[in-house]
Amino acid sequence: MSDRPRTYRKKPFAVFEHGTRIYAPTRGELRWRVVAGDAEGTRVFHKVGTEDAARARARVIEADLARHAPLRPAEGPRTVRALSAAYLASLEGRSFRYRERQAAILSRWVLPHLGALEVGPGPRPTPSGF
């Protein structure tokens, strides 16, 4: 093993009743990360700027898990517009100028052409041995 320090998050900062975990920022990632598994077994994570925001987000997720509610919206097909909105919401911990620039790029170049396009469930892992 090398003498380089670990850059991944090994231990959660906090663990909640239904398994939602909060990870503190590291040198490589300056935002707090909230990770949970929803009722369908899908891993969901959110990045936020402060510890208080992470705890608030974790409490919302925990309330949804207690009700056995899915953490991802299931109504209707997923579109590029909906995914773009989720992406912009995930930029909460970034600078205002960065968020503003990303929103401008999406609204000018992506959404007018691809906003209504439906997307599938995403890539699936390949079986071992391939």
N, C-alpha and C. Protein backbone atom coordinates (compact mmCIF):
# COMPACT_ATOMS: atom_id res chain seq x y z
N MET A 1 0.83 -1.18 0.00
CA MET A 1 0.00 0.00 0.00
C MET A 1 0.87 1.25 0.00
N SER A 2 0.40 2.26 -0.63
CA SER A 2 1.15 3.52 -0.66
C SER A 2 0.86 4.32 0.60
N ASP A 3 1.67 5.35 0.80
CA ASP A 3 1.51 6.20 1.97
C ASP A 3 0.56 7.35 1.73
N ARG A 4 -0.11 7.36 0.56
CA ARG A 4 -1.06 8.45 0.26
C ARG A 4 -2.27 8.33 1.18
N PRO A 5 -2.76 9.46 1.66
CA PRO A 5 -3.98 9.41 2.49
C PRO A 5 -5.19 9.01 1.66
N ARG A 6 -6.14 8.39 2.30
CA ARG A 6 -7.36 7.99 1.62
C ARG A 6 -8.18 9.21 1.23
N THR A 7 -8.78 9.16 0.06
CA THR A 7 -9.59 10.28 -0.39
C THR A 7 -11.07 9.92 -0.42
N TYR A 8 -11.43 8.69 -0.12
CA TYR A 8 -12.84 8.32 -0.12
C TYR A 8 -13.39 8.41 1.29
N ARG A 9 -14.70 8.46 1.38
CA ARG A 9 -15.36 8.59 2.67
C ARG A 9 -15.58 7.20 3.25
N LYS A 10 -14.83 6.86 4.26
CA LYS A 10 -14.94 5.53 4.82
C LYS A 10 -16.04 5.43 5.88
N LYS A 11 -16.08 6.38 6.78
CA LYS A 11 -17.06 6.33 7.87
C LYS A 11 -18.07 7.45 7.72
N PRO A 12 -19.34 7.13 7.92
CA PRO A 12 -20.35 8.19 7.87
C PRO A 12 -20.21 9.14 9.06
N PHE A 13 -20.55 10.38 8.84
CA PHE A 13 -20.55 11.40 9.89
C PHE A 13 -21.71 11.13 10.84
N ALA A 14 -22.87 10.73 10.28
CA ALA A 14 -24.05 10.41 11.08
C ALA A 14 -24.86 9.34 10.35
N VAL A 15 -25.52 8.46 11.12
CA VAL A 15 -26.38 7.42 10.58
C VAL A 15 -27.73 7.55 11.25
N PHE A 16 -28.80 7.53 10.44
CA PHE A 16 -30.16 7.68 10.96
C PHE A 16 -30.84 6.32 11.10
N GLU A 17 -32.02 6.31 11.67
CA GLU A 17 -32.74 5.09 12.02
C GLU A 17 -32.97 4.14 10.84
N HIS A 18 -33.34 4.66 9.68
CA HIS A 18 -33.65 3.82 8.53
C HIS A 18 -32.45 3.65 7.59
N GLY A 19 -31.25 3.96 8.07
CA GLY A 19 -30.04 3.73 7.29
C GLY A 19 -29.54 4.90 6.47
N THR A 20 -30.19 6.04 6.55
CA THR A 20 -29.70 7.22 5.84
C THR A 20 -28.39 7.66 6.49
N ARG A 21 -27.40 7.93 5.66
CA ARG A 21 -26.07 8.29 6.16
C ARG A 21 -25.68 9.67 5.66
N ILE A 22 -24.96 10.41 6.51
CA ILE A 22 -24.40 11.70 6.13
C ILE A 22 -22.88 11.55 6.15
N TYR A 23 -22.24 11.98 5.05
CA TYR A 23 -20.79 11.96 4.97
C TYR A 23 -20.27 13.39 4.95
N ALA A 24 -19.22 13.64 5.72
CA ALA A 24 -18.62 14.97 5.81
C ALA A 24 -17.81 15.27 4.55
N PRO A 25 -17.55 16.54 4.28
CA PRO A 25 -16.72 16.90 3.13
C PRO A 25 -15.30 16.34 3.26
N THR A 26 -14.68 16.13 2.12
CA THR A 26 -13.28 15.70 2.08
C THR A 26 -12.48 16.73 1.28
N ARG A 27 -11.20 16.49 1.13
CA ARG A 27 -10.39 17.41 0.33
C ARG A 27 -10.83 17.41 -1.13
N GLY A 28 -11.28 16.28 -1.63
CA GLY A 28 -11.69 16.19 -3.02
C GLY A 28 -13.11 16.65 -3.28
N GLU A 29 -13.96 16.62 -2.27
CA GLU A 29 -15.37 17.01 -2.41
C GLU A 29 -15.72 17.90 -1.23
N LEU A 30 -16.03 19.15 -1.49
CA LEU A 30 -16.25 20.12 -0.41
C LEU A 30 -17.68 20.19 0.07
N ARG A 31 -18.55 19.33 -0.46
CA ARG A 31 -19.96 19.35 -0.05
C ARG A 31 -20.27 18.16 0.85
N TRP A 32 -21.32 18.29 1.65
CA TRP A 32 -21.82 17.21 2.48
C TRP A 32 -22.65 16.29 1.60
N ARG A 33 -22.61 14.99 1.87
CA ARG A 33 -23.33 14.03 1.05
C ARG A 33 -24.30 13.23 1.92
N VAL A 34 -25.56 13.12 1.46
CA VAL A 34 -26.59 12.35 2.15
C VAL A 34 -26.90 11.15 1.27
N VAL A 35 -26.77 9.93 1.83
CA VAL A 35 -26.95 8.70 1.06
C VAL A 35 -28.00 7.84 1.75
N ALA A 36 -28.92 7.28 0.95
CA ALA A 36 -29.96 6.39 1.49
C ALA A 36 -30.35 5.37 0.44
N GLY A 37 -30.94 4.30 0.89
CA GLY A 37 -31.53 3.31 0.00
C GLY A 37 -33.03 3.40 0.14
N ASP A 38 -33.76 3.53 -0.98
CA ASP A 38 -35.21 3.70 -0.88
C ASP A 38 -35.92 2.35 -0.79
N ALA A 39 -37.24 2.39 -0.76
CA ALA A 39 -38.05 1.18 -0.57
C ALA A 39 -37.85 0.16 -1.68
N GLU A 40 -37.50 0.61 -2.89
CA GLU A 40 -37.27 -0.31 -4.00
C GLU A 40 -35.83 -0.83 -4.04
N GLY A 41 -34.98 -0.38 -3.12
CA GLY A 41 -33.59 -0.81 -3.10
C GLY A 41 -32.67 0.06 -3.92
N THR A 42 -33.15 1.17 -4.44
CA THR A 42 -32.34 2.08 -5.24
C THR A 42 -31.55 2.99 -4.32
N ARG A 43 -30.28 3.17 -4.62
CA ARG A 43 -29.44 4.06 -3.83
C ARG A 43 -29.65 5.49 -4.30
N VAL A 44 -29.93 6.37 -3.36
CA VAL A 44 -30.20 7.77 -3.67
C VAL A 44 -29.22 8.62 -2.87
N PHE A 45 -28.64 9.64 -3.53
CA PHE A 45 -27.76 10.52 -2.77
C PHE A 45 -27.96 11.96 -3.20
N HIS A 46 -27.71 12.86 -2.26
CA HIS A 46 -27.84 14.29 -2.48
C HIS A 46 -26.60 14.96 -1.91
N LYS A 47 -26.13 16.00 -2.60
CA LYS A 47 -25.00 16.78 -2.11
C LYS A 47 -25.50 18.16 -1.73
N VAL A 48 -25.12 18.61 -0.54
CA VAL A 48 -25.55 19.91 -0.03
C VAL A 48 -24.35 20.66 0.53
N GLY A 49 -24.53 21.95 0.76
CA GLY A 49 -23.42 22.81 1.13
C GLY A 49 -23.05 22.83 2.61
N THR A 50 -24.00 22.58 3.50
CA THR A 50 -23.72 22.71 4.93
C THR A 50 -24.19 21.49 5.70
N GLU A 51 -23.68 21.35 6.92
CA GLU A 51 -24.11 20.25 7.78
C GLU A 51 -25.59 20.37 8.12
N ASP A 52 -26.06 21.59 8.39
CA ASP A 52 -27.48 21.78 8.72
C ASP A 52 -28.38 21.39 7.55
N ALA A 53 -27.97 21.74 6.33
CA ALA A 53 -28.75 21.36 5.15
C ALA A 53 -28.74 19.84 4.97
N ALA A 54 -27.61 19.20 5.26
CA ALA A 54 -27.52 17.75 5.15
C ALA A 54 -28.43 17.07 6.16
N ARG A 55 -28.43 17.57 7.38
CA ARG A 55 -29.31 16.98 8.40
C ARG A 55 -30.79 17.19 8.06
N ALA A 56 -31.12 18.37 7.54
CA ALA A 56 -32.51 18.63 7.14
C ALA A 56 -32.93 17.70 6.00
N ARG A 57 -32.05 17.53 5.01
CA ARG A 57 -32.37 16.63 3.90
C ARG A 57 -32.51 15.19 4.38
N ALA A 58 -31.63 14.78 5.29
CA ALA A 58 -31.70 13.42 5.84
C ALA A 58 -33.00 13.20 6.61
N ARG A 59 -33.47 14.21 7.33
CA ARG A 59 -34.73 14.07 8.07
C ARG A 59 -35.90 13.90 7.11
N VAL A 60 -35.89 14.62 5.99
CA VAL A 60 -36.95 14.46 4.99
C VAL A 60 -36.92 13.05 4.40
N ILE A 61 -35.73 12.57 4.07
CA ILE A 61 -35.60 11.22 3.52
C ILE A 61 -36.04 10.19 4.54
N GLU A 62 -35.66 10.35 5.79
CA GLU A 62 -36.06 9.42 6.84
C GLU A 62 -37.59 9.37 7.00
N ALA A 63 -38.24 10.54 6.91
CA ALA A 63 -39.70 10.57 7.00
C ALA A 63 -40.33 9.81 5.84
N ASP A 64 -39.76 9.96 4.64
CA ASP A 64 -40.26 9.21 3.48
C ASP A 64 -40.04 7.72 3.65
N LEU A 65 -38.89 7.33 4.18
CA LEU A 65 -38.62 5.92 4.40
C LEU A 65 -39.55 5.33 5.46
N ALA A 66 -39.87 6.11 6.48
CA ALA A 66 -40.79 5.63 7.53
C ALA A 66 -42.19 5.37 6.96
N ARG A 67 -42.58 6.14 5.95
CA ARG A 67 -43.89 5.95 5.30
C ARG A 67 -43.81 4.93 4.17
N HIS A 68 -42.62 4.38 3.93
CA HIS A 68 -42.38 3.45 2.82
C HIS A 68 -42.68 4.10 1.48
N ALA A 69 -42.42 5.38 1.39
CA ALA A 69 -42.64 6.12 0.14
C ALA A 69 -41.37 6.05 -0.71
N PRO A 70 -41.52 5.96 -2.03
CA PRO A 70 -40.32 5.98 -2.88
C PRO A 70 -39.64 7.34 -2.82
N LEU A 71 -38.32 7.33 -2.86
CA LEU A 71 -37.57 8.58 -2.76
C LEU A 71 -37.44 9.27 -4.11
N ARG A 72 -37.65 8.54 -5.18
CA ARG A 72 -37.61 9.13 -6.52
C ARG A 72 -39.03 9.26 -7.02
N PRO A 73 -39.37 10.37 -7.66
CA PRO A 73 -40.73 10.53 -8.17
C PRO A 73 -41.02 9.49 -9.25
N ALA A 74 -42.18 8.83 -9.15
CA ALA A 74 -42.52 7.77 -10.09
C ALA A 74 -43.59 8.20 -11.08
N GLU A 75 -44.18 9.38 -10.91
CA GLU A 75 -45.28 9.79 -11.77
C GLU A 75 -44.77 10.19 -13.15
N GLY A 76 -45.29 9.54 -14.15
CA GLY A 76 -44.99 9.90 -15.53
C GLY A 76 -43.60 9.51 -15.98
N PRO A 77 -43.34 9.65 -17.27
CA PRO A 77 -42.02 9.32 -17.80
C PRO A 77 -40.97 10.35 -17.42
N ARG A 78 -39.74 9.92 -17.37
CA ARG A 78 -38.63 10.84 -17.09
C ARG A 78 -38.25 11.54 -18.38
N THR A 79 -38.08 12.83 -18.31
CA THR A 79 -37.69 13.60 -19.48
C THR A 79 -36.36 14.30 -19.21
N VAL A 80 -35.76 14.79 -20.27
CA VAL A 80 -34.52 15.55 -20.14
C VAL A 80 -34.78 16.81 -19.30
N ARG A 81 -35.94 17.41 -19.45
CA ARG A 81 -36.29 18.60 -18.66
C ARG A 81 -36.32 18.29 -17.16
N ALA A 82 -36.92 17.16 -16.79
CA ALA A 82 -36.99 16.78 -15.38
C ALA A 82 -35.60 16.46 -14.84
N LEU A 83 -34.79 15.76 -15.62
CA LEU A 83 -33.43 15.46 -15.18
C LEU A 83 -32.59 16.72 -15.08
N SER A 84 -32.80 17.67 -15.96
CA SER A 84 -32.08 18.94 -15.89
C SER A 84 -32.44 19.70 -14.61
N ALA A 85 -33.72 19.68 -14.26
CA ALA A 85 -34.15 20.35 -13.02
C ALA A 85 -33.51 19.68 -11.80
N ALA A 86 -33.44 18.35 -11.80
CA ALA A 86 -32.80 17.64 -10.69
C ALA A 86 -31.31 17.95 -10.64
N TYR A 87 -30.68 18.05 -11.80
CA TYR A 87 -29.26 18.39 -11.85
C TYR A 87 -29.02 19.79 -11.27
N LEU A 88 -29.84 20.75 -11.68
CA LEU A 88 -29.66 22.11 -11.17
C LEU A 88 -29.90 22.17 -9.66
N ALA A 89 -30.85 21.38 -9.16
CA ALA A 89 -31.09 21.34 -7.72
C ALA A 89 -29.91 20.73 -6.97
N SER A 90 -29.18 19.82 -7.62
CA SER A 90 -28.04 19.18 -6.96
C SER A 90 -26.83 20.11 -6.86
N LEU A 91 -26.87 21.24 -7.52
CA LEU A 91 -25.74 22.18 -7.50
C LEU A 91 -25.81 23.15 -6.33
N GLU A 92 -26.61 22.86 -5.35
CA GLU A 92 -26.84 23.76 -4.22
C GLU A 92 -25.55 24.21 -3.53
N GLY A 93 -24.57 23.33 -3.41
CA GLY A 93 -23.33 23.68 -2.72
C GLY A 93 -22.32 24.42 -3.57
N ARG A 94 -22.59 24.59 -4.84
CA ARG A 94 -21.66 25.27 -5.74
C ARG A 94 -21.88 26.79 -5.69
N SER A 95 -20.99 27.51 -6.32
CA SER A 95 -21.10 28.97 -6.31
C SER A 95 -22.30 29.43 -7.13
N PHE A 96 -22.77 30.63 -6.83
CA PHE A 96 -23.91 31.19 -7.55
C PHE A 96 -23.61 31.31 -9.04
N ARG A 97 -22.41 31.77 -9.36
CA ARG A 97 -22.04 31.97 -10.76
C ARG A 97 -22.03 30.64 -11.52
N TYR A 98 -21.54 29.57 -10.90
CA TYR A 98 -21.51 28.26 -11.54
C TYR A 98 -22.93 27.77 -11.81
N ARG A 99 -23.81 27.89 -10.80
CA ARG A 99 -25.21 27.46 -10.98
C ARG A 99 -25.89 28.27 -12.07
N GLU A 100 -25.63 29.57 -12.06
CA GLU A 100 -26.23 30.44 -13.07
C GLU A 100 -25.76 30.06 -14.47
N ARG A 101 -24.50 29.76 -14.62
CA ARG A 101 -23.93 29.37 -15.92
C ARG A 101 -24.52 28.04 -16.40
N GLN A 102 -24.64 27.07 -15.50
CA GLN A 102 -25.21 25.78 -15.88
C GLN A 102 -26.67 25.94 -16.31
N ALA A 103 -27.43 26.74 -15.59
CA ALA A 103 -28.83 26.98 -15.95
C ALA A 103 -28.93 27.66 -17.31
N ALA A 104 -28.03 28.60 -17.59
CA ALA A 104 -28.05 29.29 -18.88
C ALA A 104 -27.73 28.34 -20.03
N ILE A 105 -26.75 27.49 -19.83
CA ILE A 105 -26.39 26.52 -20.87
C ILE A 105 -27.55 25.58 -21.15
N LEU A 106 -28.16 25.06 -20.09
CA LEU A 106 -29.29 24.15 -20.28
C LEU A 106 -30.46 24.84 -20.98
N SER A 107 -30.81 26.03 -20.53
CA SER A 107 -31.99 26.71 -21.10
C SER A 107 -31.75 27.19 -22.52
N ARG A 108 -30.51 27.49 -22.86
CA ARG A 108 -30.22 28.00 -24.21
C ARG A 108 -29.97 26.89 -25.22
N TRP A 109 -29.22 25.86 -24.83
CA TRP A 109 -28.76 24.88 -25.80
C TRP A 109 -29.40 23.50 -25.69
N VAL A 110 -29.79 23.08 -24.52
CA VAL A 110 -30.27 21.71 -24.34
C VAL A 110 -31.79 21.62 -24.33
N LEU A 111 -32.43 22.36 -23.45
CA LEU A 111 -33.88 22.19 -23.25
C LEU A 111 -34.75 22.55 -24.45
N PRO A 112 -34.41 23.57 -25.23
CA PRO A 112 -35.27 23.85 -26.40
C PRO A 112 -35.31 22.69 -27.40
N HIS A 113 -34.24 21.93 -27.47
CA HIS A 113 -34.15 20.86 -28.46
C HIS A 113 -34.47 19.48 -27.88
N LEU A 114 -34.09 19.25 -26.63
CA LEU A 114 -34.21 17.91 -26.05
C LEU A 114 -35.09 17.85 -24.81
N GLY A 115 -35.67 18.95 -24.37
CA GLY A 115 -36.41 19.01 -23.11
C GLY A 115 -37.53 18.00 -23.00
N ALA A 116 -38.26 17.76 -24.06
CA ALA A 116 -39.41 16.84 -24.01
C ALA A 116 -39.03 15.39 -24.27
N LEU A 117 -37.78 15.12 -24.57
CA LEU A 117 -37.32 13.77 -24.88
C LEU A 117 -37.40 12.88 -23.64
N GLU A 118 -38.02 11.73 -23.78
CA GLU A 118 -38.10 10.78 -22.67
C GLU A 118 -36.82 9.97 -22.60
N VAL A 119 -36.38 9.69 -21.39
CA VAL A 119 -35.17 8.90 -21.18
C VAL A 119 -35.53 7.64 -20.42
N GLY A 120 -34.71 6.62 -20.60
CA GLY A 120 -34.95 5.34 -19.94
C GLY A 120 -34.51 5.35 -18.49
N PRO A 121 -34.53 4.19 -17.86
CA PRO A 121 -34.19 4.11 -16.44
C PRO A 121 -32.71 4.29 -16.14
N GLY A 122 -31.86 4.33 -17.15
CA GLY A 122 -30.44 4.52 -16.92
C GLY A 122 -29.67 3.25 -17.19
N PRO A 123 -28.34 3.34 -17.13
CA PRO A 123 -27.54 2.15 -17.41
C PRO A 123 -27.69 1.11 -16.32
N ARG A 124 -27.67 -0.12 -16.73
CA ARG A 124 -27.75 -1.21 -15.78
C ARG A 124 -26.36 -1.85 -15.67
N PRO A 125 -26.00 -2.32 -14.49
CA PRO A 125 -24.68 -2.95 -14.35
C PRO A 125 -24.62 -4.23 -15.16
N THR A 126 -23.46 -4.50 -15.72
CA THR A 126 -23.29 -5.73 -16.49
C THR A 126 -23.01 -6.88 -15.54
N PRO A 127 -23.44 -8.08 -15.91
CA PRO A 127 -23.15 -9.23 -15.04
C PRO A 127 -21.65 -9.46 -14.91
N SER A 128 -21.24 -10.04 -13.82
CA SER A 128 -19.83 -10.33 -13.59
C SER A 128 -19.34 -11.30 -14.65
N GLY A 129 -18.12 -11.17 -15.05
CA GLY A 129 -17.54 -12.08 -16.02
C GLY A 129 -17.56 -11.56 -17.44
N PHE A 130 -18.14 -10.40 -17.70
CA PHE A 130 -18.16 -9.86 -19.06
C PHE A 130 -17.11 -8.81 -19.23
